[in-house]
N, C-alpha and C. Protein backbone atom coordinates (compact mmCIF):
# COMPACT_ATOMS: atom_id res chain seq x y z
N MET A 1 198.32 -262.21 32.73
CA MET A 1 199.28 -262.68 33.68
C MET A 1 199.84 -263.39 33.55
N SER A 2 200.91 -263.92 33.71
CA SER A 2 201.97 -265.21 33.68
C SER A 2 201.45 -265.68 33.88
N ALA A 3 201.74 -267.32 32.90
CA ALA A 3 201.90 -268.64 33.19
C ALA A 3 202.31 -268.85 34.75
N GLY A 4 201.49 -269.92 35.43
CA GLY A 4 202.04 -270.45 37.09
C GLY A 4 202.08 -268.77 37.77
N ILE A 5 201.01 -268.06 38.14
CA ILE A 5 200.52 -266.67 38.80
C ILE A 5 199.03 -267.06 38.55
N GLU A 6 198.40 -266.58 39.77
CA GLU A 6 197.19 -266.61 39.88
C GLU A 6 196.86 -265.09 40.76
N THR A 7 195.83 -264.56 39.89
CA THR A 7 195.17 -263.52 41.37
C THR A 7 194.35 -264.55 42.14
N VAL A 8 194.69 -263.62 43.52
CA VAL A 8 193.82 -264.46 44.35
C VAL A 8 192.21 -263.28 44.94
N ALA A 9 193.21 -262.02 44.84
CA ALA A 9 191.94 -261.45 45.03
C ALA A 9 192.49 -260.39 44.59
N LEU A 10 190.81 -258.97 44.06
CA LEU A 10 191.17 -257.94 43.64
C LEU A 10 190.13 -256.95 43.99
N ALA A 11 190.39 -256.01 44.20
CA ALA A 11 190.21 -254.97 44.60
C ALA A 11 190.64 -253.39 43.94
N ALA A 12 189.36 -252.72 43.65
CA ALA A 12 189.21 -250.92 43.90
C ALA A 12 189.95 -249.78 44.97
N LEU A 13 191.13 -250.18 45.37
CA LEU A 13 191.84 -249.43 46.48
C LEU A 13 192.25 -247.77 45.44
N LEU A 14 191.02 -247.21 44.97
CA LEU A 14 191.51 -245.92 44.28
C LEU A 14 192.61 -245.23 45.28
N THR A 15 192.88 -243.93 44.94
CA THR A 15 193.20 -242.78 45.18
C THR A 15 193.25 -242.02 44.42
N GLY A 16 192.15 -240.82 46.25
CA GLY A 16 191.20 -239.77 45.11
C GLY A 16 191.87 -238.84 45.92
N VAL A 17 190.96 -237.70 46.40
CA VAL A 17 191.14 -237.03 47.34
C VAL A 17 190.70 -236.60 48.54
N VAL A 18 191.44 -236.44 49.74
CA VAL A 18 190.96 -236.01 50.93
C VAL A 18 191.15 -234.51 51.41
N MET A 19 190.00 -234.44 51.98
CA MET A 19 189.69 -233.15 52.91
C MET A 19 189.17 -232.89 53.64
N ALA A 20 189.29 -232.27 54.35
CA ALA A 20 188.28 -231.20 55.87
C ALA A 20 186.93 -231.72 54.97
N ALA A 21 185.83 -232.21 56.61
CA ALA A 21 184.56 -232.86 56.01
C ALA A 21 183.65 -231.43 55.52
N GLY A 22 184.28 -230.55 55.72
CA GLY A 22 183.44 -229.54 55.29
C GLY A 22 183.90 -228.63 54.56
N HIS A 23 185.08 -229.05 53.73
CA HIS A 23 185.76 -228.31 51.99
C HIS A 23 185.15 -227.94 51.11
N PRO A 24 184.67 -226.88 50.45
CA PRO A 24 183.36 -226.59 49.41
C PRO A 24 183.87 -228.08 48.56
N LEU A 25 184.82 -228.48 48.07
CA LEU A 25 185.30 -230.13 47.67
C LEU A 25 184.29 -230.72 47.52
N ALA A 26 184.60 -231.12 48.72
CA ALA A 26 183.32 -232.29 49.72
C ALA A 26 182.25 -232.09 49.06
N ALA A 27 181.42 -231.53 48.22
CA ALA A 27 179.87 -231.36 47.89
C ALA A 27 179.99 -231.63 46.39
N LYS A 28 181.37 -232.45 45.90
CA LYS A 28 181.45 -232.50 44.18
C LYS A 28 181.18 -234.46 44.70
N ALA A 29 180.60 -234.53 43.55
CA ALA A 29 180.84 -236.05 43.79
C ALA A 29 181.68 -237.10 42.89
N ALA A 30 182.68 -235.43 42.85
CA ALA A 30 184.15 -236.51 41.75
C ALA A 30 185.09 -235.22 41.33
N VAL A 31 185.99 -235.25 41.41
CA VAL A 31 186.45 -234.00 41.94
C VAL A 31 187.98 -234.45 40.25
N SER A 32 188.26 -232.47 39.93
CA SER A 32 189.08 -232.71 38.84
C SER A 32 190.42 -231.82 39.40
N LEU A 33 191.31 -232.33 38.35
CA LEU A 33 192.50 -231.84 38.70
C LEU A 33 192.78 -230.26 39.03
N ALA A 34 191.89 -229.70 38.08
CA ALA A 34 192.09 -228.35 37.39
C ALA A 34 191.33 -228.03 39.63
N ASP A 35 190.26 -228.27 40.10
CA ASP A 35 189.72 -228.17 41.46
C ASP A 35 190.87 -227.82 42.30
N CYS A 36 191.76 -229.37 42.30
CA CYS A 36 192.87 -229.63 43.26
C CYS A 36 193.98 -227.88 42.74
N ALA A 37 194.22 -227.88 42.17
CA ALA A 37 195.14 -226.56 41.49
C ALA A 37 195.16 -225.57 42.18
N ARG A 38 193.81 -225.02 42.92
CA ARG A 38 193.08 -223.79 43.58
C ARG A 38 193.43 -224.57 44.56
N GLN A 39 193.86 -225.53 44.93
CA GLN A 39 193.44 -225.33 46.67
C GLN A 39 195.02 -226.03 47.26
N PRO A 40 195.27 -225.47 48.52
CA PRO A 40 196.04 -225.73 49.32
C PRO A 40 196.49 -227.13 49.32
N PHE A 41 197.54 -227.46 48.68
CA PHE A 41 198.11 -229.36 48.56
C PHE A 41 199.16 -229.67 49.67
N LEU A 42 198.33 -230.95 50.49
CA LEU A 42 199.57 -231.20 51.56
C LEU A 42 200.21 -232.36 51.12
N ARG A 43 201.10 -232.59 50.61
CA ARG A 43 202.39 -233.77 49.84
C ARG A 43 203.14 -234.51 50.95
N SER A 44 202.16 -235.85 50.84
CA SER A 44 202.94 -236.36 51.74
C SER A 44 204.42 -237.67 50.76
N LEU A 45 205.37 -237.26 50.98
CA LEU A 45 206.57 -237.97 50.58
C LEU A 45 206.60 -236.95 49.28
N GLY A 46 207.92 -237.53 48.37
CA GLY A 46 208.18 -236.59 47.29
C GLY A 46 207.36 -237.11 45.72
N GLN A 47 206.77 -238.69 46.01
CA GLN A 47 206.42 -239.22 45.69
C GLN A 47 205.05 -239.55 44.40
N PRO A 48 204.56 -239.35 43.84
CA PRO A 48 203.67 -238.93 42.90
C PRO A 48 202.54 -240.76 43.46
N PRO A 49 201.13 -240.51 44.11
CA PRO A 49 200.64 -241.54 44.59
C PRO A 49 199.77 -243.10 43.38
N ILE A 50 200.49 -242.23 42.34
CA ILE A 50 199.83 -242.79 41.15
C ILE A 50 200.85 -243.06 40.13
N ASP A 51 201.38 -244.11 39.44
CA ASP A 51 202.38 -244.01 38.51
C ASP A 51 202.05 -243.35 37.48
N ARG A 52 202.75 -242.62 36.80
CA ARG A 52 203.21 -242.09 35.89
C ARG A 52 202.50 -243.21 34.21
N SER A 53 202.81 -244.21 34.73
CA SER A 53 201.90 -244.65 33.33
C SER A 53 200.76 -245.09 33.32
N MET A 54 200.08 -244.82 34.90
CA MET A 54 199.09 -244.86 34.90
C MET A 54 197.55 -243.44 34.44
N SER A 55 198.29 -242.47 33.81
CA SER A 55 197.66 -241.40 33.76
C SER A 55 198.90 -240.44 32.86
N ARG A 56 199.43 -239.64 32.06
CA ARG A 56 199.53 -238.66 31.58
C ARG A 56 198.65 -237.43 32.28
N GLU A 57 198.00 -237.18 31.52
CA GLU A 57 197.10 -235.63 32.84
C GLU A 57 197.76 -235.61 34.02
N PHE A 58 197.31 -237.07 34.86
CA PHE A 58 197.94 -236.66 36.31
C PHE A 58 199.57 -236.80 36.33
N ALA A 59 200.48 -237.10 35.83
CA ALA A 59 201.67 -236.87 36.15
C ALA A 59 202.42 -235.75 36.03
N GLN A 60 201.46 -234.71 34.53
CA GLN A 60 201.99 -233.68 34.50
C GLN A 60 201.50 -232.73 35.61
N PHE A 61 200.02 -233.09 36.23
CA PHE A 61 199.45 -232.41 36.81
C PHE A 61 200.95 -232.27 38.45
N TRP A 62 201.08 -233.64 38.55
CA TRP A 62 202.15 -233.74 39.64
C TRP A 62 203.03 -233.05 39.84
N ASP A 63 203.74 -232.89 38.46
CA ASP A 63 205.27 -232.56 38.34
C ASP A 63 204.64 -231.09 37.99
N GLU A 64 203.65 -230.48 37.84
CA GLU A 64 203.52 -229.08 38.22
C GLU A 64 203.46 -228.47 39.52
N LEU A 65 202.38 -229.13 40.76
CA LEU A 65 202.16 -229.02 41.48
C LEU A 65 203.15 -228.29 42.79
N GLU A 66 202.50 -227.29 43.96
CA GLU A 66 203.75 -226.87 44.30
C GLU A 66 202.69 -226.77 46.24
N PRO A 67 203.15 -227.68 46.59
CA PRO A 67 202.52 -228.40 47.53
C PRO A 67 203.48 -227.11 48.59
N VAL A 68 201.93 -227.05 49.72
CA VAL A 68 201.93 -225.78 50.83
C VAL A 68 203.00 -226.26 51.96
N VAL A 69 202.95 -227.96 52.15
CA VAL A 69 203.66 -228.65 53.01
C VAL A 69 203.78 -229.96 52.32
N THR A 70 205.12 -230.71 52.56
CA THR A 70 205.52 -232.06 52.37
C THR A 70 206.16 -232.26 53.57
N CYS A 71 205.37 -233.36 53.79
CA CYS A 71 206.08 -234.46 55.05
C CYS A 71 205.70 -235.56 54.97
N ASN A 72 206.85 -236.72 55.72
CA ASN A 72 207.09 -237.85 55.61
C ASN A 72 206.03 -238.45 56.75
N TRP A 73 205.76 -237.92 57.41
CA TRP A 73 204.96 -238.27 58.82
C TRP A 73 203.60 -238.41 58.12
N THR A 74 202.53 -239.83 57.97
CA THR A 74 201.48 -239.68 57.39
C THR A 74 200.13 -238.47 58.69
N THR A 75 200.39 -239.00 60.11
CA THR A 75 199.75 -239.03 60.97
C THR A 75 199.94 -237.16 61.08
N MET A 76 201.09 -236.37 60.65
CA MET A 76 200.24 -235.00 60.34
C MET A 76 199.98 -234.61 59.34
N VAL A 77 200.06 -235.26 58.43
CA VAL A 77 199.19 -234.92 57.27
C VAL A 77 197.63 -234.73 57.43
N LYS A 78 197.75 -235.78 58.09
CA LYS A 78 196.09 -236.37 58.62
C LYS A 78 195.54 -235.40 59.39
N ARG A 79 196.62 -234.48 60.62
CA ARG A 79 195.82 -233.82 61.28
C ARG A 79 196.03 -232.51 60.61
N LEU A 80 196.27 -231.64 59.46
CA LEU A 80 196.54 -231.03 58.88
C LEU A 80 195.50 -230.45 57.74
N ILE A 81 194.83 -231.62 57.34
CA ILE A 81 194.05 -232.19 56.57
C ILE A 81 192.46 -231.71 57.05
N ILE A 82 192.20 -232.41 58.64
CA ILE A 82 191.47 -232.61 59.05
C ILE A 82 191.14 -231.14 60.11
N ALA A 83 191.69 -230.37 59.84
CA ALA A 83 191.93 -229.01 60.72
C ALA A 83 191.43 -227.64 59.41
N GLY A 84 191.57 -228.31 57.65
CA GLY A 84 191.38 -227.64 57.16
C GLY A 84 192.71 -226.55 56.11
N LYS A 85 193.67 -227.07 56.75
CA LYS A 85 194.44 -226.38 55.84
C LYS A 85 194.80 -226.82 54.49
N GLY A 86 194.59 -228.28 54.18
CA GLY A 86 194.32 -228.38 52.62
C GLY A 86 194.12 -229.48 52.50
N ILE A 87 194.29 -230.23 51.13
CA ILE A 87 193.62 -231.25 50.81
C ILE A 87 194.95 -232.48 50.40
N SER A 88 195.10 -233.83 50.04
CA SER A 88 196.32 -234.49 49.67
C SER A 88 195.30 -235.46 48.93
N PHE A 89 196.26 -236.89 48.47
CA PHE A 89 195.57 -237.30 47.65
C PHE A 89 195.95 -239.22 48.41
N PHE A 90 194.98 -239.57 48.66
CA PHE A 90 195.28 -241.11 49.25
C PHE A 90 194.56 -241.66 49.06
N SER A 91 194.16 -243.18 49.17
CA SER A 91 193.21 -244.58 48.80
C SER A 91 192.48 -244.28 50.22
N LYS A 92 191.59 -244.79 50.68
CA LYS A 92 190.23 -244.36 51.63
C LYS A 92 191.30 -245.60 52.80
N ILE A 93 191.35 -246.21 52.54
CA ILE A 93 192.18 -247.01 53.14
C ILE A 93 193.23 -246.46 54.42
N ALA A 94 194.03 -245.22 54.05
CA ALA A 94 195.09 -244.49 54.66
C ALA A 94 194.20 -243.58 55.64
N PHE A 95 192.21 -243.80 55.75
CA PHE A 95 191.85 -242.82 56.43
C PHE A 95 190.85 -243.53 56.95
N ILE A 96 190.99 -245.57 57.22
CA ILE A 96 189.07 -245.49 57.37
C ILE A 96 188.80 -244.90 58.93
N GLU A 97 189.88 -244.87 59.44
CA GLU A 97 188.60 -244.41 60.90
C GLU A 97 188.79 -242.75 61.07
N GLU A 98 189.38 -241.75 59.86
CA GLU A 98 189.00 -241.08 59.98
C GLU A 98 187.47 -240.47 58.79
N LEU A 99 187.45 -241.37 58.16
CA LEU A 99 185.90 -241.25 57.58
C LEU A 99 185.06 -241.74 57.84
N ARG A 100 185.36 -242.80 58.67
CA ARG A 100 184.34 -243.52 60.01
C ARG A 100 183.66 -242.26 60.57
N ARG A 101 184.78 -241.58 61.36
CA ARG A 101 184.14 -240.47 62.15
C ARG A 101 183.75 -238.97 61.69
N GLY A 102 183.56 -239.70 60.57
CA GLY A 102 183.45 -237.60 59.77
C GLY A 102 184.10 -236.63 59.97
N ASP A 103 186.06 -237.43 60.16
CA ASP A 103 186.59 -235.65 60.77
C ASP A 103 186.94 -235.74 58.60
N VAL A 104 186.75 -236.77 57.70
CA VAL A 104 187.54 -236.17 56.32
C VAL A 104 186.53 -236.35 55.27
N VAL A 105 186.41 -236.00 53.65
CA VAL A 105 185.39 -236.85 53.28
C VAL A 105 186.47 -237.31 51.65
N TRP A 106 186.98 -238.27 51.15
CA TRP A 106 187.05 -238.39 50.10
C TRP A 106 185.99 -238.45 48.90
N ARG A 107 186.88 -238.47 47.66
CA ARG A 107 186.04 -237.56 46.47
C ARG A 107 187.15 -238.45 45.44
N PRO A 108 186.59 -239.44 44.52
CA PRO A 108 187.00 -239.68 43.70
C PRO A 108 187.40 -238.56 42.88
N PHE A 109 188.72 -238.99 41.56
CA PHE A 109 189.07 -238.25 40.39
C PHE A 109 187.77 -237.86 39.86
N ASP A 110 187.97 -237.24 38.80
CA ASP A 110 186.99 -237.12 37.86
C ASP A 110 187.88 -237.67 36.20
N ILE A 111 188.37 -238.14 36.51
CA ILE A 111 189.67 -239.60 35.26
C ILE A 111 189.26 -240.93 35.49
N ALA A 112 188.43 -241.11 34.01
CA ALA A 112 188.09 -242.10 33.92
C ALA A 112 189.89 -243.56 34.34
N GLU A 113 190.63 -242.79 33.58
CA GLU A 113 191.57 -244.18 34.12
C GLU A 113 192.04 -244.80 35.60
N LEU A 114 191.88 -243.34 36.52
CA LEU A 114 192.23 -243.32 37.46
C LEU A 114 191.46 -244.31 38.65
N ASN A 115 189.52 -244.30 38.08
CA ASN A 115 188.79 -244.50 38.59
C ASN A 115 188.67 -245.92 38.13
N ALA A 116 189.76 -247.10 37.49
CA ALA A 116 189.35 -248.13 36.59
C ALA A 116 190.76 -248.79 37.60
N LEU A 117 191.49 -248.31 38.58
CA LEU A 117 192.59 -249.29 38.41
C LEU A 117 192.26 -249.72 39.66
N GLN A 118 193.00 -251.07 40.34
CA GLN A 118 192.25 -251.99 41.05
C GLN A 118 194.04 -252.52 41.40
N VAL A 119 193.71 -253.24 42.79
CA VAL A 119 194.82 -253.65 42.92
C VAL A 119 194.68 -255.16 43.53
N GLY A 120 195.83 -256.57 43.25
CA GLY A 120 195.59 -257.51 43.73
C GLY A 120 196.87 -258.14 44.21
N ILE A 121 196.29 -259.13 45.06
CA ILE A 121 197.42 -260.21 45.91
C ILE A 121 197.92 -261.30 44.34
N LEU A 122 198.66 -261.25 44.27
CA LEU A 122 199.55 -262.02 42.94
C LEU A 122 199.86 -263.55 44.03
N LEU A 123 200.40 -264.73 43.66
CA LEU A 123 199.80 -266.07 44.39
C LEU A 123 200.89 -266.80 43.19
N PRO A 124 202.46 -267.30 42.96
CA PRO A 124 202.46 -268.38 41.83
C PRO A 124 201.77 -269.88 42.85
N SER A 125 201.29 -270.39 41.62
CA SER A 125 200.24 -271.00 41.82
C SER A 125 200.17 -272.47 42.29
N HIS A 126 202.00 -272.67 42.28
CA HIS A 126 202.18 -273.60 43.63
C HIS A 126 202.34 -273.41 44.71
N ARG A 127 202.21 -272.09 45.16
CA ARG A 127 202.23 -272.03 46.85
C ARG A 127 200.97 -272.02 47.72
N ALA A 128 201.44 -272.35 48.82
CA ALA A 128 199.64 -271.02 49.12
C ALA A 128 200.02 -270.65 50.28
N LEU A 129 198.81 -269.88 49.71
CA LEU A 129 198.70 -268.34 50.37
C LEU A 129 198.91 -268.21 52.16
N PRO A 130 199.96 -267.68 52.37
CA PRO A 130 200.31 -267.24 53.44
C PRO A 130 199.07 -266.71 55.07
N HIS A 131 199.51 -267.27 55.75
CA HIS A 131 198.77 -266.94 57.21
C HIS A 131 197.87 -265.29 56.86
N VAL A 132 199.44 -264.45 56.66
CA VAL A 132 199.25 -263.63 57.12
C VAL A 132 198.14 -262.80 55.73
N ALA A 133 198.48 -263.55 54.88
CA ALA A 133 197.20 -262.84 53.54
C ALA A 133 196.36 -263.28 53.25
N GLN A 134 195.94 -264.00 53.67
CA GLN A 134 195.07 -264.79 54.26
C GLN A 134 193.96 -263.94 54.89
N THR A 135 194.92 -263.44 56.17
CA THR A 135 193.51 -262.59 57.59
C THR A 135 194.00 -260.84 56.45
N PHE A 136 194.51 -260.91 55.37
CA PHE A 136 194.22 -259.89 55.13
C PHE A 136 193.18 -259.83 53.81
N VAL A 137 192.95 -260.78 52.97
CA VAL A 137 191.79 -260.32 52.18
C VAL A 137 190.71 -261.02 53.54
N ALA A 138 190.65 -261.79 54.56
CA ALA A 138 189.41 -261.92 55.29
C ALA A 138 188.87 -260.99 55.81
N ARG A 139 189.91 -260.06 55.99
CA ARG A 139 189.35 -258.44 56.85
C ARG A 139 189.21 -257.58 56.16
N TRP A 140 190.28 -257.41 54.94
CA TRP A 140 189.77 -255.92 54.16
C TRP A 140 188.84 -256.13 52.92
N PHE A 141 189.51 -257.02 51.88
CA PHE A 141 187.96 -257.73 50.69
C PHE A 141 187.17 -258.03 50.93
N VAL A 142 187.30 -258.91 51.86
CA VAL A 142 185.38 -259.74 52.06
C VAL A 142 184.85 -258.62 52.82
N ASN A 143 185.39 -257.86 53.63
CA ASN A 143 184.24 -256.41 54.65
C ASN A 143 184.79 -255.49 54.00
N SER A 144 184.75 -255.13 53.17
CA SER A 144 185.24 -253.78 52.14
C SER A 144 184.29 -253.75 50.97
N SER A 145 183.21 -252.75 50.61
CA SER A 145 181.95 -252.87 50.03
C SER A 145 183.43 -252.85 48.85
N ASN A 146 184.54 -252.68 48.61
CA ASN A 146 184.96 -252.51 47.53
C ASN A 146 185.57 -253.90 46.82
N TRP A 147 185.42 -255.04 47.80
CA TRP A 147 185.04 -256.49 47.36
C TRP A 147 184.08 -256.87 45.88
N LYS A 148 185.16 -257.32 45.23
CA LYS A 148 184.19 -258.46 44.27
C LYS A 148 184.31 -259.58 44.08
N PRO A 149 183.35 -260.16 45.03
CA PRO A 149 183.90 -261.83 45.30
C PRO A 149 183.26 -262.37 43.84
N TRP A 150 183.77 -263.85 43.81
CA TRP A 150 183.09 -264.70 42.85
C TRP A 150 181.39 -264.87 43.23
N PRO A 151 180.93 -265.28 42.19
CA PRO A 151 179.44 -264.68 42.47
C PRO A 151 178.63 -266.30 42.10
N ARG A 152 179.82 -267.82 43.13
CA ARG A 152 179.56 -268.48 42.98
C ARG A 152 178.80 -268.95 44.53
N PRO A 153 178.30 -269.64 45.77
CA PRO A 153 178.21 -269.43 46.78
C PRO A 153 179.31 -270.78 47.58
N CYS A 154 179.55 -270.47 48.49
CA CYS A 154 180.88 -271.15 48.77
C CYS A 154 180.64 -272.66 48.97
N GLU A 155 180.83 -273.63 49.21
CA GLU A 155 180.99 -275.32 49.24
C GLU A 155 181.51 -275.03 50.49
N PRO A 156 181.20 -276.18 51.26
CA PRO A 156 182.06 -276.06 53.10
C PRO A 156 182.98 -276.54 52.59
N GLN A 157 183.64 -276.21 53.55
CA GLN A 157 185.85 -277.00 53.42
C GLN A 157 186.26 -277.14 54.81
N PRO A 158 187.04 -277.50 54.86
CA PRO A 158 187.87 -277.32 56.11
C PRO A 158 188.71 -276.91 55.55
N ALA A 159 188.97 -275.84 56.98
CA ALA A 159 190.27 -275.09 57.10
C ALA A 159 191.24 -275.41 56.53
N THR A 160 191.47 -275.09 55.66
CA THR A 160 193.30 -274.50 56.02
C THR A 160 193.29 -273.45 54.67
N SER A 161 194.90 -273.62 54.84
CA SER A 161 195.72 -272.45 53.97
C SER A 161 195.78 -272.48 52.99
N SER A 162 195.69 -273.63 52.14
CA SER A 162 195.65 -273.90 50.44
C SER A 162 195.38 -273.71 49.90
N LEU A 163 196.24 -272.74 47.87
CA LEU A 163 195.25 -272.10 47.11
C LEU A 163 194.15 -272.76 47.15
N ASN A 164 194.04 -274.00 46.40
CA ASN A 164 193.14 -274.74 46.06
C ASN A 164 192.29 -274.66 46.79
N ASP A 165 192.22 -274.62 48.34
CA ASP A 165 190.71 -275.08 48.88
C ASP A 165 190.31 -273.28 48.85
N LEU A 166 190.67 -272.88 48.68
CA LEU A 166 190.63 -271.35 48.55
C LEU A 166 189.94 -270.83 47.46
N ARG A 167 190.65 -271.54 45.97
CA ARG A 167 189.59 -271.15 44.81
C ARG A 167 188.44 -272.02 44.97
N ARG A 168 188.27 -272.97 45.59
CA ARG A 168 186.87 -273.38 46.00
C ARG A 168 186.07 -273.13 46.43
N GLY A 169 186.02 -271.83 47.30
CA GLY A 169 185.12 -270.90 48.18
C GLY A 169 185.97 -271.06 49.59
N PHE A 170 185.68 -270.16 50.60
CA PHE A 170 186.14 -269.77 51.84
C PHE A 170 186.71 -270.80 52.81
N PRO A 171 187.70 -271.31 53.11
CA PRO A 171 187.63 -272.03 54.59
C PRO A 171 186.17 -271.80 55.25
N GLY A 172 186.17 -272.67 56.45
CA GLY A 172 185.07 -272.49 57.38
C GLY A 172 184.89 -271.24 57.52
N ALA A 173 186.16 -270.79 58.67
CA ALA A 173 185.51 -269.51 59.37
C ALA A 173 185.57 -268.48 58.18
N TRP A 174 185.99 -268.35 57.64
CA TRP A 174 186.03 -267.77 56.50
C TRP A 174 184.23 -267.51 55.78
N ARG A 175 184.21 -268.88 56.21
CA ARG A 175 182.39 -268.29 55.21
C ARG A 175 181.48 -267.89 56.17
N ASN A 176 181.35 -267.81 57.33
CA ASN A 176 181.13 -267.22 58.53
C ASN A 176 180.45 -265.93 58.02
N VAL A 177 182.06 -265.35 57.92
CA VAL A 177 181.88 -263.87 57.52
C VAL A 177 181.03 -263.25 56.20
N LEU A 178 180.98 -264.07 55.69
CA LEU A 178 179.93 -263.90 54.62
C LEU A 178 178.71 -264.43 54.11
N GLY A 179 177.96 -264.88 55.69
CA GLY A 179 177.19 -265.45 55.66
C GLY A 179 177.04 -266.98 55.02
N GLY A 180 177.89 -267.42 54.67
CA GLY A 180 177.56 -269.22 53.12
C GLY A 180 177.60 -268.39 51.99
N GLU A 181 178.24 -267.37 51.57
CA GLU A 181 178.79 -266.44 50.19
C GLU A 181 179.82 -265.72 50.63
N GLY A 182 180.08 -266.03 48.74
CA GLY A 182 181.55 -265.57 48.25
C GLY A 182 182.14 -266.49 48.20
N GLY A 183 183.78 -266.49 47.72
CA GLY A 183 184.59 -266.73 47.51
C GLY A 183 185.64 -266.13 46.88
N ILE A 184 186.91 -266.89 46.29
CA ILE A 184 187.93 -265.26 45.66
C ILE A 184 188.03 -265.62 44.39
N ARG A 185 188.16 -264.66 43.57
CA ARG A 185 188.07 -264.63 42.54
C ARG A 185 189.52 -265.09 42.20
N THR A 186 189.59 -266.14 41.11
CA THR A 186 191.11 -266.09 40.82
C THR A 186 190.87 -265.77 38.86
N ARG A 187 192.56 -265.66 38.82
CA ARG A 187 192.34 -266.53 36.96
C ARG A 187 191.48 -266.59 36.39
N GLY A 188 191.58 -268.34 36.57
CA GLY A 188 190.73 -268.79 35.86
C GLY A 188 189.74 -269.29 35.95
N GLY A 189 188.77 -268.15 37.54
CA GLY A 189 187.53 -268.68 37.86
C GLY A 189 187.33 -269.47 38.00
N ASP A 190 188.22 -270.36 38.68
CA ASP A 190 187.00 -271.50 39.31
C ASP A 190 187.26 -271.31 40.72
């Protein structure tokens, strides 16, 4: 990481294969690109969900893929997936409610480099974390199985939005979400 930039939070928000709950691929623990090539594909927009630099194998697959539908409206793609009209590639975050209801199933790819990808919140070390980013971290990262908390217990902290307080542990209200445990994993580990 560049000097003066800190990683506030990291999470594995993997892109995987989304399909109707009764789809034959739902029985697999991980899905190969060869499996996907034999299925009707529903494309959301024209850009690949995974950058070319992350996987040459995926980039080649994406270039050769012929979708049965290309749509820029995610709600329509969701409806088509639920109706069993095909599969698509998304992260779980795009289908939170549908996954909870059991309408769809999400499976990872069987490509190791794709399953190692993480997203994060980066911040110049001289800046405070904006309130909206604090809220996002508290609601998504902390309440998600994707969250990898800093392994030390939180110390009681006054509620504040400064990054220095976040590095020491969650401010008061956030500690309640974690039952007094957790923290933000930063580049320096402090």
